[in-house]
C-alpha atoms as a PDB file:
ATOM      1  CA  MET A   1     209.309  -2.137-106.513  1.00  0.00           C
ATOM      2  CA  THR A   2     211.265  -3.909-109.278  1.00  0.00           C
ATOM      3  CA  ASP A   3     209.605  -1.683-111.900  1.00  0.00           C
ATOM      4  CA  GLU A   4     210.925   1.435-110.179  1.00  0.00           C
ATOM      5  CA  THR A   5     214.512   0.231-109.777  1.00  0.00           C
ATOM      6  CA  SER A   6     215.255  -1.688-113.026  1.00  0.00           C
ATOM      7  CA  GLY A   7     216.441   0.224-116.057  1.00  0.00           C
ATOM      8  CA  SER A   8     217.843   3.681-116.410  1.00  0.00           C
ATOM      9  CA  THR A   9     215.913   6.450-114.737  1.00  0.00           C
ATOM     10  CA  VAL A  10     217.057   9.109-117.251  1.00  0.00           C
ATOM     11  CA  PRO A  11     214.976   7.985-120.279  1.00  0.00           C
ATOM     12  CA  ARG A  12     211.984   7.247-118.023  1.00  0.00           C
ATOM     13  CA  ARG A  13     212.020  10.787-116.657  1.00  0.00           C
ATOM     14  CA  GLN A  14     212.509  12.303-120.089  1.00  0.00           C
ATOM     15  CA  LEU A  15     209.706  10.188-121.663  1.00  0.00           C
ATOM     16  CA  GLY A  16     207.437  11.103-118.728  1.00  0.00           C
ATOM     17  CA  ARG A  17     207.991  14.823-119.312  1.00  0.00           C
ATOM     18  CA  LEU A  18     207.385  14.434-123.027  1.00  0.00           C
ATOM     19  CA  LEU A  19     204.178  12.396-122.603  1.00  0.00           C
ATOM     20  CA  THR A  20     202.853  14.975-120.096  1.00  0.00           C
ATOM     21  CA  GLN A  21     203.525  17.793-122.559  1.00  0.00           C
ATOM     22  CA  LEU A  22     201.840  15.923-125.463  1.00  0.00           C
ATOM     23  CA  ARG A  23     198.802  15.064-123.324  1.00  0.00           C
ATOM     24  CA  GLU A  24     198.335  18.653-122.164  1.00  0.00           C
ATOM     25  CA  GLU A  25     198.801  20.036-125.710  1.00  0.00           C
ATOM     26  CA  ALA A  26     196.020  17.647-126.799  1.00  0.00           C
ATOM     27  CA  SER A  27     193.807  18.781-123.851  1.00  0.00           C
ATOM     28  CA  VAL A  28     193.438  15.181-122.699  1.00  0.00           C
ATOM     29  CA  THR A  29     192.831  14.537-118.959  1.00  0.00           C
ATOM     30  CA  LEU A  30     194.615  11.899-116.932  1.00  0.00           C
ATOM     31  CA  ASP A  31     191.317  10.019-116.622  1.00  0.00           C
ATOM     32  CA  ALA A  32     190.856   9.995-120.453  1.00  0.00           C
ATOM     33  CA  ALA A  33     194.454   8.787-120.971  1.00  0.00           C
ATOM     34  CA  ALA A  34     193.866   6.027-118.360  1.00  0.00           C
ATOM     35  CA  GLU A  35     190.701   4.998-120.224  1.00  0.00           C
ATOM     36  CA  ALA A  36     192.584   4.748-123.541  1.00  0.00           C
ATOM     37  CA  LEU A  37     195.228   2.559-121.872  1.00  0.00           C
ATOM     38  CA  ASP A  38     192.583   0.567-119.981  1.00  0.00           C
ATOM     39  CA  CYS A  39     194.458   1.191-116.737  1.00  0.00           C
ATOM     40  CA  SER A  40     194.232   3.260-113.572  1.00  0.00           C
ATOM     41  CA  ARG A  41     194.798   7.023-113.440  1.00  0.00           C
ATOM     42  CA  GLN A  42     197.575   6.233-111.008  1.00  0.00           C
ATOM     43  CA  LYS A  43     199.503   4.231-113.634  1.00  0.00           C
ATOM     44  CA  VAL A  44     199.368   7.124-116.078  1.00  0.00           C
ATOM     45  CA  TRP A  45     200.595   9.480-113.325  1.00  0.00           C
ATOM     46  CA  ARG A  46     203.473   7.104-112.538  1.00  0.00           C
ATOM     47  CA  ILE A  47     204.469   6.979-116.219  1.00  0.00           C
ATOM     48  CA  GLU A  48     204.417  10.788-116.478  1.00  0.00           C
ATOM     49  CA  LYS A  49     206.601  11.093-113.305  1.00  0.00           C
ATOM     50  CA  GLY A  50     209.144   8.649-114.787  1.00  0.00           C
ATOM     51  CA  LEU A  51     208.667   6.147-112.012  1.00  0.00           C
ATOM     52  CA  VAL A  52     208.118   3.051-114.202  1.00  0.00           C
ATOM     53  CA  PRO A  53     209.315   1.623-117.521  1.00  0.00           C
ATOM     54  CA  VAL A  54     206.830   2.051-120.398  1.00  0.00           C
ATOM     55  CA  ARG A  55     205.759  -0.641-122.827  1.00  0.00           C
ATOM     56  CA  VAL A  56     206.085   0.333-126.469  1.00  0.00           C
ATOM     57  CA  VAL A  57     202.454  -0.660-127.068  1.00  0.00           C
ATOM     58  CA  ASP A  58     201.263   1.701-124.226  1.00  0.00           C
ATOM     59  CA  ALA A  59     203.431   4.512-125.677  1.00  0.00           C
ATOM     60  CA  ARG A  60     201.815   4.020-129.100  1.00  0.00           C
ATOM     61  CA  VAL A  61     198.258   4.016-127.628  1.00  0.00           C
ATOM     62  CA  MET A  62     198.986   7.282-125.814  1.00  0.00           C
ATOM     63  CA  CYS A  63     200.358   8.829-128.987  1.00  0.00           C
ATOM     64  CA  ASP A  64     197.266   7.729-130.919  1.00  0.00           C
ATOM     65  CA  ARG A  65     194.999   9.250-128.221  1.00  0.00           C
ATOM     66  CA  TYR A  66     196.980  12.529-128.269  1.00  0.00           C
ATOM     67  CA  ARG A  67     196.960  12.604-132.069  1.00  0.00           C
ATOM     68  CA  VAL A  68     200.772  12.798-132.203  1.00  0.00           C
ATOM     69  CA  PRO A  69     202.398  12.984-135.679  1.00  0.00           C
ATOM     70  CA  GLU A  70     204.236   9.804-136.804  1.00  0.00           C
ATOM     71  CA  GLU A  71     207.671  11.434-136.528  1.00  0.00           C
ATOM     72  CA  MET A  72     207.130  12.244-132.832  1.00  0.00           C
ATOM     73  CA  THR A  73     205.536   8.846-132.217  1.00  0.00           C
ATOM     74  CA  THR A  74     208.774   7.224-133.470  1.00  0.00           C
ATOM     75  CA  ILE A  75     210.682   9.316-130.923  1.00  0.00           C
ATOM     76  CA  VAL A  76     208.289   8.406-128.091  1.00  0.00           C
ATOM     77  CA  THR A  77     208.392   4.674-128.853  1.00  0.00           C
ATOM     78  CA  GLY A  78     212.183   4.845-129.172  1.00  0.00           C
ATOM     79  CA  LEU A  79     212.377   6.322-125.691  1.00  0.00           C
ATOM     80  CA  ALA A  80     209.916   3.729-124.409  1.00  0.00           C
ATOM     81  CA  LYS A  81     212.346   0.982-125.553  1.00  0.00           C
ATOM     82  CA  GLU A  82     215.168   2.647-123.690  1.00  0.00           C
ATOM     83  CA  THR A  83     213.148   2.820-120.424  1.00  0.00           C
ATOM     84  CA  ARG A  84     213.105  -0.973-120.278  1.00  0.00           C
ATOM     85  CA  ALA A  85     216.873  -1.418-120.786  1.00  0.00           C
ATOM     86  CA  LYS A  86     218.924  -2.520-117.706  1.00  0.00           C
ATOM     87  CA  GLY A  87     221.899  -0.338-118.505  1.00  0.00           C
ATOM     88  CA  TRP A  88     221.992   1.471-121.782  1.00  0.00           C
ATOM     89  CA  TRP A  89     223.789   3.529-124.366  1.00  0.00           C
ATOM     90  CA  HIS A  90     221.758   6.109-126.186  1.00  0.00           C
ATOM     91  CA  SER A  91     222.667   5.851-129.841  1.00  0.00           C
ATOM     92  CA  TYR A  92     222.302   9.135-131.681  1.00  0.00           C
ATOM     93  CA  GLY A  93     222.030   7.373-135.033  1.00  0.00           C
ATOM     94  CA  ASP A  94     219.297   5.053-133.930  1.00  0.00           C
ATOM     95  CA  VAL A  95     215.593   5.815-133.177  1.00  0.00           C
ATOM     96  CA  VAL A  96     215.983   9.071-131.283  1.00  0.00           C
ATOM     97  CA  PRO A  97     217.435  11.783-133.629  1.00  0.00           C
ATOM     98  CA  SER A  98     220.349  13.934-132.492  1.00  0.00           C
ATOM     99  CA  TRP A  99     218.215  17.059-132.178  1.00  0.00           C
ATOM    100  CA  PHE A 100     216.139  15.365-129.550  1.00  0.00           C
ATOM    101  CA  SER A 101     218.848  13.909-127.381  1.00  0.00           C
ATOM    102  CA  LEU A 102     218.008  13.251-123.805  1.00  0.00           C
ATOM    103  CA  TYR A 103     220.768  15.547-122.813  1.00  0.00           C
ATOM    104  CA  VAL A 104     219.103  18.653-124.198  1.00  0.00           C
ATOM    105  CA  GLY A 105     216.039  17.984-121.974  1.00  0.00           C
ATOM    106  CA  LEU A 106     218.219  17.560-118.900  1.00  0.00           C
ATOM    107  CA  GLU A 107     220.334  20.587-119.705  1.00  0.00           C
ATOM    108  CA  SER A 108     217.282  22.817-119.988  1.00  0.00           C
ATOM    109  CA  SER A 109     215.955  21.751-116.588  1.00  0.00           C
ATOM    110  CA  ALA A 110     219.304  21.784-114.683  1.00  0.00           C
ATOM    111  CA  SER A 111     220.030  24.493-112.116  1.00  0.00           C
ATOM    112  CA  LEU A 112     223.771  23.750-111.990  1.00  0.00           C
ATOM    113  CA  MET A 113     226.076  22.384-114.703  1.00  0.00           C
ATOM    114  CA  ARG A 114     229.704  21.662-114.103  1.00  0.00           C
ATOM    115  CA  ARG A 115     231.686  20.519-117.054  1.00  0.00           C
ATOM    116  CA  TYR A 116     235.275  19.708-117.902  1.00  0.00           C
ATOM    117  CA  ASP A 117     236.373  19.814-121.521  1.00  0.00           C
ATOM    118  CA  SER A 118     239.682  18.344-122.594  1.00  0.00           C
ATOM    119  CA  GLU A 119     239.433  18.630-126.355  1.00  0.00           C
ATOM    120  CA  LEU A 120     236.904  21.181-127.635  1.00  0.00           C
ATOM    121  CA  ILE A 121     235.119  24.376-126.662  1.00  0.00           C
ATOM    122  CA  PRO A 122     231.749  23.119-125.199  1.00  0.00           C
ATOM    123  CA  GLY A 123     228.590  23.677-127.298  1.00  0.00           C
ATOM    124  CA  LEU A 124     227.082  26.278-124.901  1.00  0.00           C
ATOM    125  CA  LEU A 125     230.132  28.492-125.435  1.00  0.00           C
ATOM    126  CA  GLN A 126     230.677  28.028-129.191  1.00  0.00           C
ATOM    127  CA  THR A 127     230.434  30.685-131.873  1.00  0.00           C
ATOM    128  CA  ARG A 128     228.612  29.956-135.168  1.00  0.00           C
ATOM    129  CA  GLU A 129     231.891  29.706-137.051  1.00  0.00           C
ATOM    130  CA  TYR A 130     233.534  27.294-134.595  1.00  0.00           C
ATOM    131  CA  ALA A 131     230.440  25.068-134.471  1.00  0.00           C
ATOM    132  CA  THR A 132     230.158  25.051-138.268  1.00  0.00           C
ATOM    133  CA  GLU A 133     233.762  23.891-138.626  1.00  0.00           C
ATOM    134  CA  LEU A 134     233.226  21.063-136.113  1.00  0.00           C
ATOM    135  CA  PHE A 135     230.121  19.801-137.957  1.00  0.00           C
ATOM    136  CA  ARG A 136     231.956  20.102-141.284  1.00  0.00           C
ATOM    137  CA  ARG A 137     234.837  17.935-140.023  1.00  0.00           C
ATOM    138  CA  LYS A 138     232.449  15.431-138.362  1.00  0.00           C
ATOM    139  CA  ASN A 139     230.468  14.855-141.614  1.00  0.00           C
ATOM    140  CA  PRO A 140     232.085  16.457-144.715  1.00  0.00           C
ATOM    141  CA  THR A 141     229.396  15.008-147.017  1.00  0.00           C
ATOM    142  CA  MET A 142     226.548  16.817-145.125  1.00  0.00           C
ATOM    143  CA  THR A 143     224.811  19.553-147.115  1.00  0.00           C
ATOM    144  CA  ALA A 144     225.269  23.168-146.061  1.00  0.00           C
ATOM    145  CA  GLU A 145     221.514  23.280-145.253  1.00  0.00           C
ATOM    146  CA  GLU A 146     221.718  20.224-142.923  1.00  0.00           C
ATOM    147  CA  ARG A 147     224.802  21.643-141.235  1.00  0.00           C
ATOM    148  CA  GLU A 148     223.110  24.973-140.702  1.00  0.00           C
ATOM    149  CA  LYS A 149     220.200  23.211-138.931  1.00  0.00           C
ATOM    150  CA  LEU A 150     222.597  21.506-136.513  1.00  0.00           C
ATOM    151  CA  VAL A 151     224.385  24.769-135.868  1.00  0.00           C
ATOM    152  CA  ALA A 152     221.077  26.584-135.299  1.00  0.00           C
ATOM    153  CA  VAL A 153     220.062  23.957-132.641  1.00  0.00           C
ATOM    154  CA  ARG A 154     223.416  24.376-130.912  1.00  0.00           C
ATOM    155  CA  LEU A 155     223.109  28.195-130.812  1.00  0.00           C
ATOM    156  CA  GLN A 156     219.474  27.920-129.635  1.00  0.00           C
ATOM    157  CA  ARG A 157     220.594  25.892-126.641  1.00  0.00           C
ATOM    158  CA  GLN A 158     222.849  28.760-125.551  1.00  0.00           C
ATOM    159  CA  HIS A 159     219.809  30.931-124.707  1.00  0.00           C
ATOM    160  CA  ILE A 160     219.375  29.071-121.394  1.00  0.00           C
ATOM    161  CA  LEU A 161     222.370  31.018-120.063  1.00  0.00           C
ATOM    162  CA  VAL A 162     220.532  34.279-120.298  1.00  0.00           C
ATOM    163  CA  ARG A 163     216.917  33.255-119.789  1.00  0.00           C
ATOM    164  CA  ARG A 164     214.800  34.882-117.083  1.00  0.00           C
ATOM    165  CA  LEU A 165     212.170  32.219-116.360  1.00  0.00           C
ATOM    166  CA  PRO A 166     212.988  29.768-115.094  1.00  0.00           C
ATOM    167  CA  SER A 167     216.138  31.311-113.699  1.00  0.00           C
ATOM    168  CA  ALA A 168     219.254  30.763-115.852  1.00  0.00           C
ATOM    169  CA  PRO A 169     221.344  27.848-114.576  1.00  0.00           C
ATOM    170  CA  THR A 170     224.771  28.280-113.019  1.00  0.00           C
ATOM    171  CA  LEU A 171     227.435  27.062-115.435  1.00  0.00           C
ATOM    172  CA  LYS A 172     230.916  26.179-114.139  1.00  0.00           C
ATOM    173  CA  VAL A 173     233.419  25.257-116.828  1.00  0.00           C
ATOM    174  CA  VAL A 174     237.017  24.047-116.557  1.00  0.00           C
ATOM    175  CA  LEU A 175     238.792  24.007-119.915  1.00  0.00           C
ATOM    176  CA  SER A 176     242.124  22.321-120.582  1.00  0.00           C
ATOM    177  CA  GLU A 177     244.648  24.848-121.930  1.00  0.00           C
ATOM    178  CA  ALA A 178     245.005  22.511-124.902  1.00  0.00           C
ATOM    179  CA  VAL A 179     241.421  23.332-125.942  1.00  0.00           C
ATOM    180  CA  LEU A 180     242.356  27.034-126.255  1.00  0.00           C
ATOM    181  CA  ARG A 181     245.498  26.332-128.221  1.00  0.00           C
ATOM    182  CA  ARG A 182     243.881  23.862-130.657  1.00  0.00           C
ATOM    183  CA  THR A 183     242.921  26.256-133.421  1.00  0.00           C
ATOM    184  CA  ILE A 184     240.457  25.741-136.299  1.00  0.00           C
ATOM    185  CA  PRO A 185     241.759  26.585-139.835  1.00  0.00           C
ATOM    186  CA  ASP A 186     240.191  30.055-139.851  1.00  0.00           C
ATOM    187  CA  ARG A 187     242.486  31.768-137.309  1.00  0.00           C
ATOM    188  CA  ARG A 188     240.350  34.949-137.298  1.00  0.00           C
ATOM    189  CA  ALA A 189     237.297  32.858-136.385  1.00  0.00           C
ATOM    190  CA  MET A 190     239.349  31.135-133.613  1.00  0.00           C
ATOM    191  CA  ALA A 191     240.301  34.544-132.200  1.00  0.00           C
ATOM    192  CA  GLU A 192     236.604  35.513-132.204  1.00  0.00           C
ATOM    193  CA  GLN A 193     235.811  32.246-130.431  1.00  0.00           C
ATOM    194  CA  LEU A 194     238.306  33.004-127.679  1.00  0.00           C
ATOM    195  CA  ARG A 195     236.956  36.539-127.266  1.00  0.00           C
ATOM    196  CA  HIS A 196     233.453  35.084-127.073  1.00  0.00           C
ATOM    197  CA  LEU A 197     234.662  32.920-124.161  1.00  0.00           C
ATOM    198  CA  LEU A 198     235.644  36.059-122.311  1.00  0.00           C
ATOM    199  CA  ASP A 199     232.232  37.657-123.041  1.00  0.00           C
ATOM    200  CA  VAL A 200     230.279  34.673-121.793  1.00  0.00           C
ATOM    201  CA  ALA A 201     232.539  34.356-118.718  1.00  0.00           C
ATOM    202  CA  ALA A 202     231.457  37.857-117.768  1.00  0.00           C
ATOM    203  CA  LEU A 203     227.853  36.651-117.185  1.00  0.00           C
ATOM    204  CA  PRO A 204     227.075  36.500-113.407  1.00  0.00           C
ATOM    205  CA  ASN A 205     225.932  32.857-113.653  1.00  0.00           C
ATOM    206  CA  VAL A 206     229.000  31.641-115.573  1.00  0.00           C
ATOM    207  CA  SER A 207     232.405  30.607-114.190  1.00  0.00           C
ATOM    208  CA  LEU A 208     235.160  29.781-116.668  1.00  0.00           C
ATOM    209  CA  ARG A 209     238.529  28.484-115.454  1.00  0.00           C
ATOM    210  CA  VAL A 210     241.568  27.213-117.370  1.00  0.00           C
ATOM    211  CA  LEU A 211     243.482  24.089-116.390  1.00  0.00           C
ATOM    212  CA  PRO A 212     247.077  24.927-117.411  1.00  0.00           C
ATOM    213  CA  LEU A 213     249.171  22.208-119.067  1.00  0.00           C
ATOM    214  CA  ALA A 214     251.868  22.946-116.419  1.00  0.00           C
ATOM    215  CA  ALA A 215     249.428  21.731-113.699  1.00  0.00           C
ATOM    216  CA  GLY A 216     250.177  18.146-114.741  1.00  0.00           C
ATOM    217  CA  PRO A 217     247.627  15.372-115.414  1.00  0.00           C
ATOM    218  CA  PRO A 218     244.375  15.768-113.452  1.00  0.00           C
ATOM    219  CA  LEU A 219     242.232  12.891-112.273  1.00  0.00           C
ATOM    220  CA  ALA A 220     240.039  13.876-115.191  1.00  0.00           C
ATOM    221  CA  SER A 221     242.698  12.415-117.503  1.00  0.00           C
ATOM    222  CA  GLU A 222     240.911   9.089-116.903  1.00  0.00           C
ATOM    223  CA  THR A 223     237.406  10.414-117.543  1.00  0.00           C
ATOM    224  CA  GLY A 224     237.870  12.787-120.392  1.00  0.00           C
ATOM    225  CA  THR A 225     235.146  15.379-121.010  1.00  0.00           C
ATOM    226  CA  PHE A 226     232.108  15.101-118.724  1.00  0.00           C
ATOM    227  CA  VAL A 227     229.152  17.128-117.432  1.00  0.00           C
ATOM    228  CA  LEU A 228     227.738  16.988-113.887  1.00  0.00           C
ATOM    229  CA  LEU A 229     224.111  18.118-113.852  1.00  0.00           C
ATOM    230  CA  GLY A 230     222.364  19.263-110.690  1.00  0.00           C
ATOM    231  CA  PHE A 231     218.644  20.056-110.489  1.00  0.00           C
ATOM    232  CA  PRO A 232     216.490  22.523-108.514  1.00  0.00           C
ATOM    233  CA  GLN A 233     214.808  21.497-105.297  1.00  0.00           C
ATOM    234  CA  ALA A 234     211.042  20.944-105.375  1.00  0.00           C
ATOM    235  CA  PHE A 235     209.186  22.986-102.743  1.00  0.00           C
ATOM    236  CA  GLY A 236     212.153  23.025-100.392  1.00  0.00           C
ATOM    237  CA  ARG A 237     212.453  19.254-100.371  1.00  0.00           C
ATOM    238  CA  ALA A 238     214.438  16.815-102.546  1.00  0.00           C
ATOM    239  CA  SER A 239     215.581  17.959-105.998  1.00  0.00           C
ATOM    240  CA  THR A 240     213.265  17.330-108.945  1.00  0.00           C
ATOM    241  CA  GLU A 241     215.878  14.986-110.490  1.00  0.00           C
ATOM    242  CA  PRO A 242     218.821  13.105-109.083  1.00  0.00           C
ATOM    243  CA  SER A 243     222.245  14.542-110.045  1.00  0.00           C
ATOM    244  CA  THR A 244     223.357  13.024-113.327  1.00  0.00           C
ATOM    245  CA  VAL A 245     226.766  12.580-115.068  1.00  0.00           C
ATOM    246  CA  TYR A 246     226.755  12.840-118.867  1.00  0.00           C
ATOM    247  CA  LEU A 247     229.516  11.270-120.945  1.00  0.00           C
ATOM    248  CA  GLU A 248     229.491  11.514-124.721  1.00  0.00           C
ATOM    249  CA  ASN A 249     231.470   9.757-127.470  1.00  0.00           C
ATOM    250  CA  ILE A 250     231.279   9.377-131.247  1.00  0.00           C
ATOM    251  CA  THR A 251     228.577   6.686-131.178  1.00  0.00           C
ATOM    252  CA  GLY A 252     226.383   7.718-128.248  1.00  0.00           C
ATOM    253  CA  ALA A 253     226.229   8.878-124.651  1.00  0.00           C
ATOM    254  CA  LEU A 254     226.183   7.398-121.198  1.00  0.00           C
ATOM    255  CA  TYR A 255     224.069   8.780-118.326  1.00  0.00           C
ATOM    256  CA  LEU A 256     225.121   7.871-114.788  1.00  0.00           C
ATOM    257  CA  ASP A 257     222.843   8.710-111.841  1.00  0.00           C
ATOM    258  CA  LYS A 258     223.698   6.160-109.156  1.00  0.00           C
ATOM    259  CA  PRO A 259     224.964   8.007-106.048  1.00  0.00           C
ATOM    260  CA  ALA A 260     228.370   6.196-106.060  1.00  0.00           C
ATOM    261  CA  GLU A 261     228.873   7.123-109.751  1.00  0.00           C
ATOM    262  CA  VAL A 262     228.029  10.765-109.161  1.00  0.00           C
ATOM    263  CA  ALA A 263     230.277  10.840-106.069  1.00  0.00           C
ATOM    264  CA  ALA A 264     233.230   9.569-108.082  1.00  0.00           C
ATOM    265  CA  PHE A 265     232.812  12.443-110.597  1.00  0.00           C
ATOM    266  CA  GLU A 266     232.354  14.966-107.814  1.00  0.00           C
ATOM    267  CA  HIS A 267     235.782  13.839-106.564  1.00  0.00           C
ATOM    268  CA  VAL A 268     237.294  14.375-110.012  1.00  0.00           C
ATOM    269  CA  TRP A 269     235.627  17.820-110.178  1.00  0.00           C
ATOM    270  CA  HIS A 270     237.116  18.898-106.835  1.00  0.00           C
ATOM    271  CA  ASP A 271     240.568  17.881-108.162  1.00  0.00           C
ATOM    272  CA  LEU A 272     240.009  20.037-111.259  1.00  0.00           C
ATOM    273  CA  GLU A 273     239.034  23.025-109.087  1.00  0.00           C
ATOM    274  CA  ALA A 274     242.191  22.572-106.991  1.00  0.00           C
ATOM    275  CA  LEU A 275     244.439  22.580-110.133  1.00  0.00           C
ATOM    276  CA  ALA A 276     242.737  25.194-112.373  1.00  0.00           C
ATOM    277  CA  LEU A 277     243.589  28.892-112.437  1.00  0.00           C
ATOM    278  CA  GLY A 278     241.217  31.309-110.770  1.00  0.00           C
ATOM    279  CA  GLU A 279     238.633  33.089-112.893  1.00  0.00           C
ATOM    280  CA  ALA A 280     240.619  36.311-113.225  1.00  0.00           C
ATOM    281  CA  GLN A 281     243.864  34.529-114.013  1.00  0.00           C
ATOM    282  CA  SER A 282     242.018  32.307-116.505  1.00  0.00           C
ATOM    283  CA  GLY A 283     240.731  35.436-118.334  1.00  0.00           C
ATOM    284  CA  LYS A 284     244.277  36.770-118.549  1.00  0.00           C
ATOM    285  CA  SER A 285     245.527  33.427-119.844  1.00  0.00           C
ATOM    286  CA  ILE A 286     242.927  33.432-122.624  1.00  0.00           C
ATOM    287  CA  GLN A 287     243.859  36.999-123.492  1.00  0.00           C
ATOM    288  CA  VAL A 288     247.535  36.035-123.805  1.00  0.00           C
ATOM    289  CA  ILE A 289     246.665  33.189-126.178  1.00  0.00           C
ATOM    290  CA  ILE A 290     244.590  35.559-128.322  1.00  0.00           C
ATOM    291  CA  GLU A 291     247.529  37.978-128.542  1.00  0.00           C
ATOM    292  CA  GLU A 292     250.175  35.280-129.079  1.00  0.00           C
ATOM    293  CA  HIS A 293     248.468  33.307-131.838  1.00  0.00           C
ATOM    294  CA  HIS A 294     245.595  35.183-133.357  1.00  0.00           C
ATOM    295  CA  ASP A 295     246.394  38.849-133.609  1.00  0.00           C
END
């Protein structure tokens, strides 16, 4: 039982999904994988379901058996190290590259995302120009080609909002009014970004609400930006993943999935909903800011 409760469940589940995908792409059966590991079929199944931590040596054997390229093997072994940590910070600059953050995997399988942003327009709602400016400020020495790759990944993620299969997730966003008034140098591009918010908010699965500065400090003043991820139910029973809170900062990200942690952020979210403008009023508020500052 210790194996199943120690360590963070988030990297275990993500690694399990990735190993399943690599095994199936290589047309290797569970039995053949178990033979390579010199273990039972049940152990491989438990690894793929994210139920147990994974030894780096086992991750490497599986990668060898599935003929995985060295770059992907580095990612897999990096995740395997994280599965054995008691409590952990996922460092973007370390073994797992930024384009393969755990968050992207969770985001793509979530059925409900609720996020509060206090400083910036969230990635799923950014235009190309806004995203480019953020990456330019974050790393001014980066080449235009490298920057474009990062922007492309960000824009690619946005497709989940309009996908058909699986069904597009429900996205509920509360933005601090300060986010809307914090302009990038290109004021025309900022106006386009604000208009884009109105376009995305018109999607049936998207709710966008503004937290006015006049509402006073919310409970979220103590949390800053966060995302609450909910996952679909499996065959009418429990959800495929436990609800998870994602918190990001300049050096990494924290994933919280203990019930008490999730409940604390649910409480903060309910406070935001009580203070934020309704959807229609939020749309009008954004329109006013466009007219005041960008036309």
